[in-house]
Amino acid sequence: MSTPETEHSHRISQQDLRERSAEILHGLERGEWYAVTRDGRHIGDLVPVRRRAVSRAEFAAASRGMPRLDDRKYHEDMDQHVNADPYDSYDHAYGRGEFAEDGE
């Protein structure tokens, strides 16, 4: 694993992370990267989330190739495959015949 190669990178220990978490989170918000070490070994990187706004035109262009969704078919599929009652999932699975009884 290599450390991040940017002018905004810092090497921090696990202890630094615990003791300076608020400061490090502020640094992430500013775009800084952190290479985290434990016992002197690089174990991971903390990197800022990259967010990019997409214009309507870009979204429309990317969406053109997507299949159209059929709302009725979607709801039929959901009704068939998703159990709305979280307390009877075992009974629901048996009711659909997903499990064979012993001896069958």
N, C-alpha and C. Protein backbone atom coordinates (compact mmCIF):
# COMPACT_ATOMS: atom_id res chain seq x y z
N MET A 1 0.85 -1.17 0.00
CA MET A 1 0.00 0.00 0.00
C MET A 1 0.90 1.23 0.00
N SER A 2 0.60 2.17 -0.83
CA SER A 2 1.44 3.36 -0.89
C SER A 2 0.72 4.54 -0.28
N THR A 3 1.50 5.50 0.17
CA THR A 3 0.90 6.70 0.74
C THR A 3 0.39 7.58 -0.38
N PRO A 4 -0.60 8.41 -0.12
CA PRO A 4 -1.13 9.27 -1.16
C PRO A 4 -0.08 10.27 -1.61
N GLU A 5 0.00 10.47 -2.90
CA GLU A 5 1.02 11.35 -3.47
C GLU A 5 0.39 12.69 -3.83
N THR A 6 0.21 13.56 -2.85
CA THR A 6 -0.29 14.90 -3.13
C THR A 6 0.47 15.88 -2.24
N GLU A 7 0.40 17.13 -2.62
CA GLU A 7 1.05 18.15 -1.79
C GLU A 7 0.28 18.40 -0.50
N HIS A 8 -0.93 17.84 -0.39
CA HIS A 8 -1.75 18.04 0.80
C HIS A 8 -1.77 16.82 1.70
N SER A 9 -0.80 15.89 1.56
CA SER A 9 -0.86 14.66 2.35
C SER A 9 -0.08 14.80 3.66
N HIS A 10 -0.53 14.09 4.67
CA HIS A 10 0.08 14.08 5.99
C HIS A 10 0.19 12.64 6.45
N ARG A 11 1.23 12.31 7.17
CA ARG A 11 1.38 10.99 7.76
C ARG A 11 0.97 11.10 9.23
N ILE A 12 -0.02 10.31 9.64
CA ILE A 12 -0.50 10.38 11.02
C ILE A 12 -0.54 8.97 11.60
N SER A 13 -0.34 8.89 12.89
CA SER A 13 -0.41 7.59 13.57
C SER A 13 -1.84 7.33 14.02
N GLN A 14 -2.09 6.09 14.40
CA GLN A 14 -3.39 5.73 14.95
C GLN A 14 -3.70 6.60 16.17
N GLN A 15 -2.70 6.85 16.98
CA GLN A 15 -2.89 7.68 18.16
C GLN A 15 -3.24 9.11 17.76
N ASP A 16 -2.56 9.67 16.72
CA ASP A 16 -2.92 11.00 16.22
C ASP A 16 -4.38 11.04 15.81
N LEU A 17 -4.80 10.00 15.12
CA LEU A 17 -6.18 9.94 14.64
C LEU A 17 -7.16 10.01 15.81
N ARG A 18 -6.86 9.27 16.87
CA ARG A 18 -7.73 9.30 18.06
C ARG A 18 -7.72 10.66 18.74
N GLU A 19 -6.54 11.22 18.92
CA GLU A 19 -6.41 12.45 19.70
C GLU A 19 -6.75 13.71 18.92
N ARG A 20 -6.60 13.69 17.61
CA ARG A 20 -6.80 14.91 16.81
C ARG A 20 -7.89 14.73 15.76
N SER A 21 -8.89 13.90 16.06
CA SER A 21 -9.89 13.57 15.04
C SER A 21 -10.60 14.81 14.49
N ALA A 22 -10.97 15.75 15.35
CA ALA A 22 -11.68 16.95 14.86
C ALA A 22 -10.80 17.74 13.90
N GLU A 23 -9.55 17.92 14.25
CA GLU A 23 -8.60 18.65 13.39
C GLU A 23 -8.42 17.92 12.05
N ILE A 24 -8.32 16.60 12.11
CA ILE A 24 -8.12 15.81 10.89
C ILE A 24 -9.36 15.87 10.00
N LEU A 25 -10.55 15.82 10.60
CA LEU A 25 -11.77 15.93 9.81
C LEU A 25 -11.88 17.29 9.13
N HIS A 26 -11.46 18.35 9.84
CA HIS A 26 -11.44 19.68 9.21
C HIS A 26 -10.47 19.69 8.04
N GLY A 27 -9.33 19.04 8.20
CA GLY A 27 -8.36 18.94 7.11
C GLY A 27 -8.94 18.21 5.90
N LEU A 28 -9.68 17.13 6.15
CA LEU A 28 -10.33 16.42 5.05
C LEU A 28 -11.29 17.34 4.31
N GLU A 29 -12.04 18.13 5.05
CA GLU A 29 -12.97 19.07 4.42
C GLU A 29 -12.23 20.10 3.56
N ARG A 30 -10.99 20.41 3.92
CA ARG A 30 -10.19 21.35 3.13
C ARG A 30 -9.50 20.66 1.96
N GLY A 31 -9.64 19.34 1.84
CA GLY A 31 -9.04 18.63 0.71
C GLY A 31 -7.72 17.95 1.04
N GLU A 32 -7.34 17.90 2.31
CA GLU A 32 -6.08 17.27 2.69
C GLU A 32 -6.24 15.75 2.77
N TRP A 33 -5.16 15.03 2.50
CA TRP A 33 -5.12 13.57 2.56
C TRP A 33 -4.28 13.15 3.75
N TYR A 34 -4.59 11.99 4.33
CA TYR A 34 -3.83 11.49 5.48
C TYR A 34 -3.47 10.02 5.25
N ALA A 35 -2.20 9.71 5.45
CA ALA A 35 -1.73 8.32 5.45
C ALA A 35 -1.70 7.89 6.90
N VAL A 36 -2.47 6.89 7.27
CA VAL A 36 -2.59 6.45 8.65
C VAL A 36 -1.62 5.28 8.88
N THR A 37 -0.88 5.37 10.00
CA THR A 37 0.07 4.32 10.33
C THR A 37 -0.27 3.70 11.68
N ARG A 38 0.12 2.43 11.84
CA ARG A 38 0.02 1.75 13.13
C ARG A 38 1.37 1.05 13.32
N ASP A 39 2.00 1.32 14.43
CA ASP A 39 3.32 0.76 14.72
C ASP A 39 4.29 1.04 13.57
N GLY A 40 4.16 2.23 12.96
CA GLY A 40 5.06 2.64 11.89
C GLY A 40 4.71 2.08 10.52
N ARG A 41 3.72 1.21 10.42
CA ARG A 41 3.31 0.62 9.13
C ARG A 41 2.11 1.37 8.57
N HIS A 42 2.15 1.66 7.29
CA HIS A 42 1.05 2.33 6.62
C HIS A 42 -0.11 1.34 6.50
N ILE A 43 -1.26 1.68 7.10
CA ILE A 43 -2.40 0.76 7.08
C ILE A 43 -3.59 1.28 6.28
N GLY A 44 -3.56 2.53 5.89
CA GLY A 44 -4.68 3.05 5.10
C GLY A 44 -4.58 4.54 4.89
N ASP A 45 -5.49 5.04 4.08
CA ASP A 45 -5.52 6.46 3.74
C ASP A 45 -6.88 7.05 4.06
N LEU A 46 -6.87 8.26 4.55
CA LEU A 46 -8.09 9.05 4.69
C LEU A 46 -8.04 10.09 3.60
N VAL A 47 -9.03 10.07 2.72
CA VAL A 47 -9.04 10.99 1.59
C VAL A 47 -10.38 11.70 1.54
N PRO A 48 -10.39 12.94 1.08
CA PRO A 48 -11.66 13.67 1.00
C PRO A 48 -12.56 13.06 -0.06
N VAL A 49 -13.86 13.17 0.16
CA VAL A 49 -14.84 12.72 -0.82
C VAL A 49 -14.83 13.71 -1.98
N ARG A 50 -14.78 13.18 -3.18
CA ARG A 50 -14.81 14.05 -4.37
C ARG A 50 -16.24 14.12 -4.87
N ARG A 51 -16.81 15.28 -4.80
CA ARG A 51 -18.18 15.47 -5.29
C ARG A 51 -18.13 16.41 -6.48
N ARG A 52 -18.90 16.09 -7.48
CA ARG A 52 -18.94 16.93 -8.67
C ARG A 52 -20.39 17.11 -9.08
N ALA A 53 -20.78 18.33 -9.22
CA ALA A 53 -22.14 18.61 -9.67
C ALA A 53 -22.24 18.25 -11.15
N VAL A 54 -23.38 17.71 -11.53
CA VAL A 54 -23.62 17.34 -12.92
C VAL A 54 -24.72 18.24 -13.45
N SER A 55 -24.48 18.83 -14.60
CA SER A 55 -25.49 19.70 -15.20
C SER A 55 -26.67 18.88 -15.71
N ARG A 56 -27.79 19.54 -15.91
CA ARG A 56 -28.97 18.85 -16.46
C ARG A 56 -28.65 18.23 -17.82
N ALA A 57 -27.89 18.95 -18.62
CA ALA A 57 -27.55 18.45 -19.96
C ALA A 57 -26.72 17.17 -19.86
N GLU A 58 -25.74 17.15 -18.95
CA GLU A 58 -24.92 15.94 -18.76
C GLU A 58 -25.77 14.78 -18.27
N PHE A 59 -26.65 15.06 -17.31
CA PHE A 59 -27.52 14.01 -16.79
C PHE A 59 -28.43 13.47 -17.88
N ALA A 60 -29.03 14.36 -18.67
CA ALA A 60 -29.92 13.94 -19.76
C ALA A 60 -29.16 13.09 -20.77
N ALA A 61 -27.94 13.50 -21.11
CA ALA A 61 -27.14 12.74 -22.08
C ALA A 61 -26.80 11.36 -21.54
N ALA A 62 -26.45 11.26 -20.27
CA ALA A 62 -26.11 9.97 -19.67
C ALA A 62 -27.33 9.09 -19.53
N SER A 63 -28.51 9.70 -19.37
CA SER A 63 -29.74 8.94 -19.14
C SER A 63 -30.37 8.42 -20.43
N ARG A 64 -29.98 8.96 -21.57
CA ARG A 64 -30.63 8.58 -22.83
C ARG A 64 -30.55 7.08 -23.10
N GLY A 65 -29.46 6.44 -22.74
CA GLY A 65 -29.29 5.03 -23.03
C GLY A 65 -29.93 4.10 -22.00
N MET A 66 -30.48 4.66 -20.95
CA MET A 66 -31.07 3.84 -19.89
C MET A 66 -32.43 3.31 -20.32
N PRO A 67 -32.76 2.08 -19.92
CA PRO A 67 -34.08 1.55 -20.26
C PRO A 67 -35.17 2.29 -19.49
N ARG A 68 -36.34 2.38 -20.10
CA ARG A 68 -37.48 3.00 -19.41
C ARG A 68 -38.02 2.01 -18.40
N LEU A 69 -38.45 2.51 -17.27
CA LEU A 69 -39.00 1.66 -16.22
C LEU A 69 -40.51 1.60 -16.33
N ASP A 70 -41.04 0.42 -16.13
CA ASP A 70 -42.48 0.21 -16.11
C ASP A 70 -42.90 0.15 -14.64
N ASP A 71 -43.58 1.18 -14.17
CA ASP A 71 -43.97 1.26 -12.75
C ASP A 71 -44.81 0.07 -12.32
N ARG A 72 -45.76 -0.34 -13.15
CA ARG A 72 -46.63 -1.46 -12.78
C ARG A 72 -45.82 -2.74 -12.62
N LYS A 73 -44.91 -3.01 -13.55
CA LYS A 73 -44.07 -4.21 -13.49
C LYS A 73 -43.17 -4.15 -12.25
N TYR A 74 -42.64 -2.99 -11.95
CA TYR A 74 -41.80 -2.81 -10.76
C TYR A 74 -42.58 -3.19 -9.51
N HIS A 75 -43.80 -2.68 -9.36
CA HIS A 75 -44.61 -2.96 -8.17
C HIS A 75 -45.01 -4.44 -8.11
N GLU A 76 -45.30 -5.03 -9.25
CA GLU A 76 -45.60 -6.47 -9.27
C GLU A 76 -44.40 -7.28 -8.79
N ASP A 77 -43.21 -6.93 -9.30
CA ASP A 77 -41.99 -7.62 -8.88
C ASP A 77 -41.74 -7.45 -7.38
N MET A 78 -41.93 -6.23 -6.89
CA MET A 78 -41.71 -5.98 -5.47
C MET A 78 -42.69 -6.78 -4.63
N ASP A 79 -43.95 -6.81 -5.04
CA ASP A 79 -44.96 -7.56 -4.29
C ASP A 79 -44.63 -9.06 -4.27
N GLN A 80 -44.08 -9.55 -5.36
CA GLN A 80 -43.77 -10.98 -5.47
C GLN A 80 -42.52 -11.35 -4.66
N HIS A 81 -41.52 -10.49 -4.64
CA HIS A 81 -40.22 -10.86 -4.09
C HIS A 81 -39.87 -10.24 -2.74
N VAL A 82 -40.57 -9.22 -2.34
CA VAL A 82 -40.23 -8.54 -1.09
C VAL A 82 -41.35 -8.74 -0.09
N ASN A 83 -40.98 -9.20 1.08
CA ASN A 83 -41.95 -9.43 2.14
C ASN A 83 -42.16 -8.14 2.90
N ALA A 84 -43.38 -7.64 2.92
CA ALA A 84 -43.68 -6.38 3.59
C ALA A 84 -43.76 -6.53 5.10
N ASP A 85 -43.97 -7.76 5.59
CA ASP A 85 -44.07 -8.00 7.03
C ASP A 85 -42.77 -8.60 7.53
N PRO A 86 -41.97 -7.84 8.26
CA PRO A 86 -40.67 -8.34 8.68
C PRO A 86 -40.74 -9.49 9.68
N TYR A 87 -41.91 -9.77 10.24
CA TYR A 87 -42.00 -10.79 11.27
C TYR A 87 -42.37 -12.17 10.75
N ASP A 88 -42.74 -12.28 9.46
CA ASP A 88 -43.11 -13.60 8.97
C ASP A 88 -42.24 -14.05 7.80
N SER A 89 -41.02 -13.60 7.73
CA SER A 89 -40.17 -13.93 6.59
C SER A 89 -39.97 -15.44 6.45
N TYR A 90 -39.86 -16.15 7.56
CA TYR A 90 -39.70 -17.60 7.53
C TYR A 90 -40.95 -18.25 6.91
N ASP A 91 -42.12 -17.87 7.41
CA ASP A 91 -43.37 -18.41 6.88
C ASP A 91 -43.57 -18.00 5.42
N HIS A 92 -43.20 -16.78 5.09
CA HIS A 92 -43.36 -16.27 3.73
C HIS A 92 -42.53 -17.10 2.75
N ALA A 93 -41.28 -17.41 3.13
CA ALA A 93 -40.40 -18.21 2.27
C ALA A 93 -40.98 -19.60 2.07
N TYR A 94 -41.50 -20.21 3.13
CA TYR A 94 -42.11 -21.54 3.00
C TYR A 94 -43.36 -21.47 2.14
N GLY A 95 -44.13 -20.40 2.30
CA GLY A 95 -45.35 -20.24 1.52
C GLY A 95 -45.08 -20.15 0.01
N ARG A 96 -43.92 -19.62 -0.36
CA ARG A 96 -43.56 -19.55 -1.77
C ARG A 96 -42.90 -20.82 -2.25
N GLY A 97 -42.69 -21.79 -1.35
CA GLY A 97 -42.09 -23.06 -1.74
C GLY A 97 -40.58 -23.00 -1.92
N GLU A 98 -39.92 -22.02 -1.29
CA GLU A 98 -38.48 -21.91 -1.43
C GLU A 98 -37.74 -23.03 -0.72
N PHE A 99 -38.36 -23.62 0.29
CA PHE A 99 -37.72 -24.68 1.07
C PHE A 99 -38.57 -25.92 0.98
N ALA A 100 -37.94 -27.04 0.75
CA ALA A 100 -38.68 -28.32 0.69
C ALA A 100 -38.74 -28.89 2.10
N GLU A 101 -39.89 -29.48 2.42
CA GLU A 101 -40.03 -30.16 3.71
C GLU A 101 -39.18 -31.42 3.67
N ASP A 102 -38.71 -31.90 4.83
CA ASP A 102 -37.97 -33.15 4.88
C ASP A 102 -38.81 -34.27 4.31
N GLY A 103 -38.17 -35.11 3.50
CA GLY A 103 -38.86 -36.26 2.93
C GLY A 103 -39.55 -35.96 1.62
N GLU A 104 -39.50 -34.72 1.14
CA GLU A 104 -40.16 -34.39 -0.13
C GLU A 104 -39.17 -34.42 -1.26
